[in-house]
Amino acid sequence: MSMSAALFTKSVSERTGMSWKTGYRSIYYDGAPEPDDPDLSKSHTALLIIDVQNTYLSRPDRASLSPEDQRRYDAWTPFHKRMHEIVLPRTKDLLERFRRNGIECLFARIACHTKEGRDRSLSQKMPGWNNLLLPKDELPSQIVPELQPIGDEIVVTKTTDSALTGTNLRLILTNLGIKTVVCCGIFTDQCVSSTVRSLADESFAVVVVEDCCAAGSDELHHKELEIMNMIYGHVMSSAELNALMKLA
């Protein structure tokens, strides 16, 4: 494994030894005082898992691909390694802790209501990687088995990057009495970031769980966390969140 790929499997605390109060500082917050602990009272906090869907974790047989497609396949291998070794197990653990403590757990997923995707937003019709056609009842659009919702846990379906602007999630959170949203999911620099910014704009407090998120590359993942941190919310590891919330 390359040095970059190895780093991609580690959180900022594992990489640098810094805590969430000092890590991921951009130039805007260089020298700023350490932030206060966020309000994580269990009755006003919710977990939101964003777009961890089958389509993003399925992979073809590498041997069946052309040399150029094999190059692209290999470029995505660190992402898949991070998802299976870090993001999925730690998100599953966090989800189980929230459930045991009776804290609201919600899910967002990308899916269109029509077979040909005529209801998709413009960004999901653009040519290239982001051209997503995920009909809501088909297997690729479903949440991965490890993180399946249970009981009456709420799932919102969106054809946008932001889970807030593309659904009635803002109203749902308000009706639930939620003030702080803990965000996990993929991709850090796309739907996670868009959702975090929308939540902050609507005056929700936000925590982004760094080791429960992933982007297409190490550089994109960590740079986006640096951009979001302290402006739109606080970035911390799942271990730090568990300690702050005293999640058994």
C-alpha atoms as a PDB file:
ATOM      1  CA  MET A   1       0.000   0.000   0.000  1.00  0.00           C
ATOM      2  CA  SER A   2       1.240   3.495  -0.824  1.00  0.00           C
ATOM      3  CA  MET A   3       1.851   6.037   1.935  1.00  0.00           C
ATOM      4  CA  SER A   4      -1.140   8.065   0.702  1.00  0.00           C
ATOM      5  CA  ALA A   5      -3.421   5.016   0.772  1.00  0.00           C
ATOM      6  CA  ALA A   6      -2.227   4.100   4.266  1.00  0.00           C
ATOM      7  CA  LEU A   7      -2.988   7.592   5.546  1.00  0.00           C
ATOM      8  CA  PHE A   8      -6.436   7.438   3.982  1.00  0.00           C
ATOM      9  CA  THR A   9      -7.444   4.757   6.488  1.00  0.00           C
ATOM     10  CA  LYS A  10      -6.562   6.932   9.500  1.00  0.00           C
ATOM     11  CA  SER A  11      -8.382   9.724  11.313  1.00  0.00           C
ATOM     12  CA  VAL A  12      -6.728  13.053  12.084  1.00  0.00           C
ATOM     13  CA  SER A  13      -6.134  12.020  15.685  1.00  0.00           C
ATOM     14  CA  GLU A  14      -4.476   8.814  14.490  1.00  0.00           C
ATOM     15  CA  ARG A  15      -2.439  10.738  11.893  1.00  0.00           C
ATOM     16  CA  THR A  16      -1.317  13.701  13.986  1.00  0.00           C
ATOM     17  CA  GLY A  17      -2.168  13.086  17.645  1.00  0.00           C
ATOM     18  CA  MET A  18      -4.278  16.274  17.702  1.00  0.00           C
ATOM     19  CA  SER A  19      -7.755  16.391  19.211  1.00  0.00           C
ATOM     20  CA  TRP A  20     -10.868  17.652  17.432  1.00  0.00           C
ATOM     21  CA  LYS A  21     -10.382  21.028  19.115  1.00  0.00           C
ATOM     22  CA  THR A  22      -7.041  21.602  17.402  1.00  0.00           C
ATOM     23  CA  GLY A  23      -7.205  19.432  14.271  1.00  0.00           C
ATOM     24  CA  TYR A  24      -8.395  20.383  10.793  1.00  0.00           C
ATOM     25  CA  ARG A  25      -7.582  24.080  11.260  1.00  0.00           C
ATOM     26  CA  SER A  26      -7.673  26.079   8.049  1.00  0.00           C
ATOM     27  CA  ILE A  27      -5.987  29.453   7.623  1.00  0.00           C
ATOM     28  CA  TYR A  28      -9.239  31.090   8.747  1.00  0.00           C
ATOM     29  CA  TYR A  29      -8.921  29.562  12.210  1.00  0.00           C
ATOM     30  CA  ASP A  30      -5.161  29.549  12.650  1.00  0.00           C
ATOM     31  CA  GLY A  31      -4.626  30.753  16.217  1.00  0.00           C
ATOM     32  CA  ALA A  32      -8.327  30.839  17.115  1.00  0.00           C
ATOM     33  CA  PRO A  33      -9.246  29.719  20.652  1.00  0.00           C
ATOM     34  CA  GLU A  34     -10.334  26.141  21.182  1.00  0.00           C
ATOM     35  CA  PRO A  35     -14.092  25.712  20.698  1.00  0.00           C
ATOM     36  CA  ASP A  36     -16.463  24.789  23.496  1.00  0.00           C
ATOM     37  CA  ASP A  37     -17.936  21.297  23.517  1.00  0.00           C
ATOM     38  CA  PRO A  38     -21.050  21.141  21.325  1.00  0.00           C
ATOM     39  CA  ASP A  39     -24.488  20.556  22.810  1.00  0.00           C
ATOM     40  CA  LEU A  40     -24.949  16.809  22.371  1.00  0.00           C
ATOM     41  CA  SER A  41     -27.871  16.233  24.706  1.00  0.00           C
ATOM     42  CA  LYS A  42     -29.513  12.997  23.662  1.00  0.00           C
ATOM     43  CA  SER A  43     -33.019  14.430  23.340  1.00  0.00           C
ATOM     44  CA  HIS A  44     -31.888  17.146  20.903  1.00  0.00           C
ATOM     45  CA  THR A  45     -29.285  15.229  18.848  1.00  0.00           C
ATOM     46  CA  ALA A  46     -29.764  13.027  15.788  1.00  0.00           C
ATOM     47  CA  LEU A  47     -27.491  10.835  13.680  1.00  0.00           C
ATOM     48  CA  LEU A  48     -27.753  11.320   9.910  1.00  0.00           C
ATOM     49  CA  ILE A  49     -26.125   8.741   7.615  1.00  0.00           C
ATOM     50  CA  ILE A  50     -25.778  10.089   4.086  1.00  0.00           C
ATOM     51  CA  ASP A  51     -25.779   8.089   0.829  1.00  0.00           C
ATOM     52  CA  VAL A  52     -24.041   4.883   1.947  1.00  0.00           C
ATOM     53  CA  GLN A  53     -25.675   2.939  -0.864  1.00  0.00           C
ATOM     54  CA  ASN A  54     -25.015  -0.255  -2.777  1.00  0.00           C
ATOM     55  CA  THR A  55     -24.075   1.531  -5.993  1.00  0.00           C
ATOM     56  CA  TYR A  56     -20.988   3.094  -4.428  1.00  0.00           C
ATOM     57  CA  LEU A  57     -19.575  -0.144  -3.026  1.00  0.00           C
ATOM     58  CA  SER A  58     -20.125  -2.496  -5.946  1.00  0.00           C
ATOM     59  CA  ARG A  59     -17.081  -3.222  -8.129  1.00  0.00           C
ATOM     60  CA  PRO A  60     -16.610  -5.153 -11.381  1.00  0.00           C
ATOM     61  CA  ASP A  61     -14.132  -7.985 -11.842  1.00  0.00           C
ATOM     62  CA  ARG A  62     -10.835  -6.192 -12.420  1.00  0.00           C
ATOM     63  CA  ALA A  63      -9.575  -8.860 -14.825  1.00  0.00           C
ATOM     64  CA  SER A  64     -12.503  -8.186 -17.159  1.00  0.00           C
ATOM     65  CA  LEU A  65     -11.572  -4.511 -17.585  1.00  0.00           C
ATOM     66  CA  SER A  66      -9.482  -2.746 -20.218  1.00  0.00           C
ATOM     67  CA  PRO A  67      -6.078  -1.372 -19.142  1.00  0.00           C
ATOM     68  CA  GLU A  68      -7.514   2.166 -18.851  1.00  0.00           C
ATOM     69  CA  ASP A  69     -10.462   0.939 -16.795  1.00  0.00           C
ATOM     70  CA  GLN A  70      -8.054  -1.044 -14.602  1.00  0.00           C
ATOM     71  CA  ARG A  71      -6.151   2.195 -13.956  1.00  0.00           C
ATOM     72  CA  ARG A  72      -9.354   3.881 -12.799  1.00  0.00           C
ATOM     73  CA  TYR A  73     -10.270   0.778 -10.772  1.00  0.00           C
ATOM     74  CA  ASP A  74      -6.921   0.949  -8.959  1.00  0.00           C
ATOM     75  CA  ALA A  75      -7.349   4.671  -8.287  1.00  0.00           C
ATOM     76  CA  TRP A  76     -10.548   3.869  -6.376  1.00  0.00           C
ATOM     77  CA  THR A  77      -9.074   0.989  -4.365  1.00  0.00           C
ATOM     78  CA  PRO A  78      -8.038   3.189  -1.376  1.00  0.00           C
ATOM     79  CA  PHE A  79     -11.626   4.464  -1.131  1.00  0.00           C
ATOM     80  CA  HIS A  80     -13.021   0.938  -1.030  1.00  0.00           C
ATOM     81  CA  LYS A  81     -10.378  -0.127   1.481  1.00  0.00           C
ATOM     82  CA  ARG A  82     -11.281   2.812   3.719  1.00  0.00           C
ATOM     83  CA  MET A  83     -15.004   2.078   3.405  1.00  0.00           C
ATOM     84  CA  HIS A  84     -14.693  -1.591   4.338  1.00  0.00           C
ATOM     85  CA  GLU A  85     -11.974  -1.294   6.991  1.00  0.00           C
ATOM     86  CA  ILE A  86     -12.884   2.010   8.644  1.00  0.00           C
ATOM     87  CA  VAL A  87     -16.085   3.757   7.585  1.00  0.00           C
ATOM     88  CA  LEU A  88     -18.592   0.888   7.538  1.00  0.00           C
ATOM     89  CA  PRO A  89     -17.540  -0.789  10.812  1.00  0.00           C
ATOM     90  CA  ARG A  90     -17.227   2.492  12.708  1.00  0.00           C
ATOM     91  CA  THR A  91     -20.512   3.842  11.343  1.00  0.00           C
ATOM     92  CA  LYS A  92     -22.244   0.581  12.231  1.00  0.00           C
ATOM     93  CA  ASP A  93     -20.830   0.804  15.762  1.00  0.00           C
ATOM     94  CA  LEU A  94     -21.952   4.428  16.084  1.00  0.00           C
ATOM     95  CA  LEU A  95     -25.414   3.583  14.782  1.00  0.00           C
ATOM     96  CA  GLU A  96     -25.776   0.771  17.312  1.00  0.00           C
ATOM     97  CA  ARG A  97     -24.662   3.082  20.141  1.00  0.00           C
ATOM     98  CA  PHE A  98     -27.195   5.740  19.139  1.00  0.00           C
ATOM     99  CA  ARG A  99     -29.936   3.112  18.981  1.00  0.00           C
ATOM    100  CA  ARG A 100     -29.051   1.703  22.421  1.00  0.00           C
ATOM    101  CA  ASN A 101     -29.232   5.200  23.855  1.00  0.00           C
ATOM    102  CA  GLY A 102     -32.602   5.962  22.284  1.00  0.00           C
ATOM    103  CA  ILE A 103     -31.230   8.745  20.044  1.00  0.00           C
ATOM    104  CA  GLU A 104     -32.865   9.532  16.706  1.00  0.00           C
ATOM    105  CA  CYS A 105     -31.214   7.871  13.682  1.00  0.00           C
ATOM    106  CA  LEU A 106     -32.023   9.102  10.192  1.00  0.00           C
ATOM    107  CA  PHE A 107     -30.810   8.206   6.709  1.00  0.00           C
ATOM    108  CA  ALA A 108     -30.571  10.001   3.378  1.00  0.00           C
ATOM    109  CA  ARG A 109     -30.131   8.370   0.001  1.00  0.00           C
ATOM    110  CA  ILE A 110     -29.954   9.412  -3.631  1.00  0.00           C
ATOM    111  CA  ALA A 111     -32.815   7.915  -5.650  1.00  0.00           C
ATOM    112  CA  CYS A 112     -35.178   9.081  -8.354  1.00  0.00           C
ATOM    113  CA  HIS A 113     -38.909   8.403  -8.463  1.00  0.00           C
ATOM    114  CA  THR A 114     -38.997   7.688 -12.197  1.00  0.00           C
ATOM    115  CA  LYS A 115     -37.378   4.861 -14.127  1.00  0.00           C
ATOM    116  CA  GLU A 116     -35.618   7.146 -16.599  1.00  0.00           C
ATOM    117  CA  GLY A 117     -34.762   9.763 -13.974  1.00  0.00           C
ATOM    118  CA  ARG A 118     -36.665  12.725 -15.383  1.00  0.00           C
ATOM    119  CA  ASP A 119     -37.169  14.035 -11.822  1.00  0.00           C
ATOM    120  CA  ARG A 120     -33.428  14.268 -11.109  1.00  0.00           C
ATOM    121  CA  SER A 121     -31.743  17.592 -10.403  1.00  0.00           C
ATOM    122  CA  LEU A 122     -29.520  19.084 -13.097  1.00  0.00           C
ATOM    123  CA  SER A 123     -26.333  18.074 -11.252  1.00  0.00           C
ATOM    124  CA  GLN A 124     -27.377  14.416 -11.462  1.00  0.00           C
ATOM    125  CA  LYS A 125     -28.022  14.649 -15.193  1.00  0.00           C
ATOM    126  CA  MET A 126     -24.626  16.127 -16.048  1.00  0.00           C
ATOM    127  CA  PRO A 127     -22.315  13.908 -18.135  1.00  0.00           C
ATOM    128  CA  GLY A 128     -19.618  12.000 -16.288  1.00  0.00           C
ATOM    129  CA  TRP A 129     -19.234  10.369 -12.893  1.00  0.00           C
ATOM    130  CA  ASN A 130     -22.061  12.291 -11.235  1.00  0.00           C
ATOM    131  CA  ASN A 131     -24.618  11.233 -13.856  1.00  0.00           C
ATOM    132  CA  LEU A 132     -26.680   9.155 -11.453  1.00  0.00           C
ATOM    133  CA  LEU A 133     -29.659   7.070 -12.490  1.00  0.00           C
ATOM    134  CA  LEU A 134     -30.840   5.318  -9.337  1.00  0.00           C
ATOM    135  CA  PRO A 135     -34.547   4.407  -9.443  1.00  0.00           C
ATOM    136  CA  LYS A 136     -35.831   4.256  -5.876  1.00  0.00           C
ATOM    137  CA  ASP A 137     -36.950   0.607  -5.876  1.00  0.00           C
ATOM    138  CA  GLU A 138     -33.858  -0.918  -7.485  1.00  0.00           C
ATOM    139  CA  LEU A 139     -30.965  -2.586  -5.634  1.00  0.00           C
ATOM    140  CA  PRO A 140     -28.205  -0.045  -6.440  1.00  0.00           C
ATOM    141  CA  SER A 141     -30.111   2.783  -4.720  1.00  0.00           C
ATOM    142  CA  GLN A 142     -30.678   0.893  -1.462  1.00  0.00           C
ATOM    143  CA  ILE A 143     -28.713   1.558   1.733  1.00  0.00           C
ATOM    144  CA  VAL A 144     -25.981  -1.049   2.271  1.00  0.00           C
ATOM    145  CA  PRO A 145     -26.941  -4.110   4.355  1.00  0.00           C
ATOM    146  CA  GLU A 146     -24.597  -3.177   7.248  1.00  0.00           C
ATOM    147  CA  LEU A 147     -26.492   0.079   7.854  1.00  0.00           C
ATOM    148  CA  GLN A 148     -30.071  -0.835   7.018  1.00  0.00           C
ATOM    149  CA  PRO A 149     -32.711   1.240   8.862  1.00  0.00           C
ATOM    150  CA  ILE A 150     -34.849  -0.635  11.358  1.00  0.00           C
ATOM    151  CA  GLY A 151     -38.325  -0.040  12.782  1.00  0.00           C
ATOM    152  CA  ASP A 152     -39.627   3.451  12.120  1.00  0.00           C
ATOM    153  CA  GLU A 153     -36.249   5.095  11.508  1.00  0.00           C
ATOM    154  CA  ILE A 154     -36.698   7.840   8.950  1.00  0.00           C
ATOM    155  CA  VAL A 155     -35.211   7.672   5.442  1.00  0.00           C
ATOM    156  CA  VAL A 156     -35.372  10.664   3.095  1.00  0.00           C
ATOM    157  CA  THR A 157     -34.938  10.243  -0.644  1.00  0.00           C
ATOM    158  CA  LYS A 158     -33.262  13.017  -2.623  1.00  0.00           C
ATOM    159  CA  THR A 159     -32.294  13.870  -6.181  1.00  0.00           C
ATOM    160  CA  THR A 160     -29.918  16.581  -4.960  1.00  0.00           C
ATOM    161  CA  ASP A 161     -26.575  16.645  -3.168  1.00  0.00           C
ATOM    162  CA  SER A 162     -27.933  18.268  -0.005  1.00  0.00           C
ATOM    163  CA  ALA A 163     -30.235  16.062   2.045  1.00  0.00           C
ATOM    164  CA  LEU A 164     -31.855  19.228   3.377  1.00  0.00           C
ATOM    165  CA  THR A 165     -32.683  21.180   0.239  1.00  0.00           C
ATOM    166  CA  GLY A 166     -33.896  18.133  -1.671  1.00  0.00           C
ATOM    167  CA  THR A 167     -36.312  16.770   0.954  1.00  0.00           C
ATOM    168  CA  ASN A 168     -38.491  17.775   3.909  1.00  0.00           C
ATOM    169  CA  LEU A 169     -35.647  16.877   6.280  1.00  0.00           C
ATOM    170  CA  ARG A 170     -35.500  20.373   7.797  1.00  0.00           C
ATOM    171  CA  LEU A 171     -39.151  20.109   8.802  1.00  0.00           C
ATOM    172  CA  ILE A 172     -38.648  16.569  10.127  1.00  0.00           C
ATOM    173  CA  LEU A 173     -35.684  17.596  12.285  1.00  0.00           C
ATOM    174  CA  THR A 174     -37.575  20.607  13.603  1.00  0.00           C
ATOM    175  CA  ASN A 175     -40.615  18.492  14.455  1.00  0.00           C
ATOM    176  CA  LEU A 176     -38.365  15.998  16.252  1.00  0.00           C
ATOM    177  CA  GLY A 177     -36.902  18.804  18.359  1.00  0.00           C
ATOM    178  CA  ILE A 178     -33.392  18.277  16.966  1.00  0.00           C
ATOM    179  CA  LYS A 179     -30.769  20.971  17.454  1.00  0.00           C
ATOM    180  CA  THR A 180     -27.544  19.078  16.662  1.00  0.00           C
ATOM    181  CA  VAL A 181     -27.058  16.741  13.697  1.00  0.00           C
ATOM    182  CA  VAL A 182     -24.192  14.230  13.666  1.00  0.00           C
ATOM    183  CA  CYS A 183     -23.285  13.545  10.035  1.00  0.00           C
ATOM    184  CA  CYS A 184     -21.638  10.456   8.516  1.00  0.00           C
ATOM    185  CA  GLY A 185     -21.476   9.138   4.983  1.00  0.00           C
ATOM    186  CA  ILE A 186     -20.205   9.664   1.466  1.00  0.00           C
ATOM    187  CA  PHE A 187     -18.873  11.561  -0.285  1.00  0.00           C
ATOM    188  CA  THR A 188     -17.178  13.968   2.125  1.00  0.00           C
ATOM    189  CA  ASP A 189     -16.640  16.653  -0.499  1.00  0.00           C
ATOM    190  CA  GLN A 190     -20.022  16.282  -2.187  1.00  0.00           C
ATOM    191  CA  CYS A 191     -23.264  15.196  -0.513  1.00  0.00           C
ATOM    192  CA  VAL A 192     -21.871  15.274   3.029  1.00  0.00           C
ATOM    193  CA  SER A 193     -20.458  18.767   2.534  1.00  0.00           C
ATOM    194  CA  SER A 194     -23.615  20.055   0.828  1.00  0.00           C
ATOM    195  CA  THR A 195     -25.789  18.685   3.620  1.00  0.00           C
ATOM    196  CA  VAL A 196     -23.549  20.092   6.357  1.00  0.00           C
ATOM    197  CA  ARG A 197     -23.587  23.557   4.797  1.00  0.00           C
ATOM    198  CA  SER A 198     -27.369  23.477   4.399  1.00  0.00           C
ATOM    199  CA  LEU A 199     -27.831  22.383   8.006  1.00  0.00           C
ATOM    200  CA  ALA A 200     -25.561  25.174   9.230  1.00  0.00           C
ATOM    201  CA  ASP A 201     -27.440  27.720   7.125  1.00  0.00           C
ATOM    202  CA  GLU A 202     -30.669  26.578   8.792  1.00  0.00           C
ATOM    203  CA  SER A 203     -29.049  27.111  12.232  1.00  0.00           C
ATOM    204  CA  PHE A 204     -28.602  23.468  13.171  1.00  0.00           C
ATOM    205  CA  ALA A 205     -25.389  22.646  15.008  1.00  0.00           C
ATOM    206  CA  VAL A 206     -23.392  20.033  13.101  1.00  0.00           C
ATOM    207  CA  VAL A 207     -20.788  17.419  13.978  1.00  0.00           C
ATOM    208  CA  VAL A 208     -19.004  15.618  11.137  1.00  0.00           C
ATOM    209  CA  VAL A 209     -17.567  12.250  12.151  1.00  0.00           C
ATOM    210  CA  GLU A 210     -14.302  12.123  10.226  1.00  0.00           C
ATOM    211  CA  ASP A 211     -13.694   8.369  10.323  1.00  0.00           C
ATOM    212  CA  CYS A 212     -17.289   7.656   9.311  1.00  0.00           C
ATOM    213  CA  CYS A 213     -16.912   9.600   6.038  1.00  0.00           C
ATOM    214  CA  ALA A 214     -14.963   9.096   2.829  1.00  0.00           C
ATOM    215  CA  ALA A 215     -14.253  10.901  -0.431  1.00  0.00           C
ATOM    216  CA  GLY A 216     -12.770   9.596  -3.647  1.00  0.00           C
ATOM    217  CA  SER A 217      -9.255  10.377  -2.443  1.00  0.00           C
ATOM    218  CA  ASP A 218      -7.327  11.143   0.726  1.00  0.00           C
ATOM    219  CA  GLU A 219      -6.630  14.680  -0.476  1.00  0.00           C
ATOM    220  CA  LEU A 220     -10.277  15.487  -1.175  1.00  0.00           C
ATOM    221  CA  HIS A 221     -11.464  13.948   2.094  1.00  0.00           C
ATOM    222  CA  HIS A 222      -9.106  15.793   4.413  1.00  0.00           C
ATOM    223  CA  LYS A 223      -9.190  19.108   2.543  1.00  0.00           C
ATOM    224  CA  GLU A 224     -12.988  19.206   2.647  1.00  0.00           C
ATOM    225  CA  LEU A 225     -12.982  18.463   6.381  1.00  0.00           C
ATOM    226  CA  GLU A 226     -10.561  21.348   6.861  1.00  0.00           C
ATOM    227  CA  ILE A 227     -12.843  23.623   4.839  1.00  0.00           C
ATOM    228  CA  MET A 228     -15.964  22.682   6.837  1.00  0.00           C
ATOM    229  CA  ASN A 229     -14.435  22.605  10.305  1.00  0.00           C
ATOM    230  CA  MET A 230     -15.380  25.421  12.695  1.00  0.00           C
ATOM    231  CA  ILE A 231     -17.270  27.315   9.981  1.00  0.00           C
ATOM    232  CA  TYR A 232     -20.113  24.895   9.344  1.00  0.00           C
ATOM    233  CA  GLY A 233     -19.653  22.542  12.281  1.00  0.00           C
ATOM    234  CA  HIS A 234     -17.101  20.568  14.251  1.00  0.00           C
ATOM    235  CA  VAL A 235     -15.079  17.666  12.862  1.00  0.00           C
ATOM    236  CA  MET A 236     -14.200  14.868  15.272  1.00  0.00           C
ATOM    237  CA  SER A 237     -13.540  11.129  15.350  1.00  0.00           C
ATOM    238  CA  SER A 238     -16.114   8.554  16.395  1.00  0.00           C
ATOM    239  CA  ALA A 239     -14.074   7.831  19.540  1.00  0.00           C
ATOM    240  CA  GLU A 240     -14.129  11.511  20.508  1.00  0.00           C
ATOM    241  CA  LEU A 241     -17.873  11.694  19.869  1.00  0.00           C
ATOM    242  CA  ASN A 242     -18.510   8.570  21.940  1.00  0.00           C
ATOM    243  CA  ALA A 243     -16.541  10.054  24.821  1.00  0.00           C
ATOM    244  CA  LEU A 244     -18.363  13.402  24.677  1.00  0.00           C
ATOM    245  CA  MET A 245     -21.789  11.759  24.527  1.00  0.00           C
ATOM    246  CA  LYS A 246     -20.896   8.953  26.949  1.00  0.00           C
ATOM    247  CA  LEU A 247     -22.316   6.413  24.512  1.00  0.00           C
ATOM    248  CA  ALA A 248     -22.178   2.894  25.926  1.00  0.00           C
END
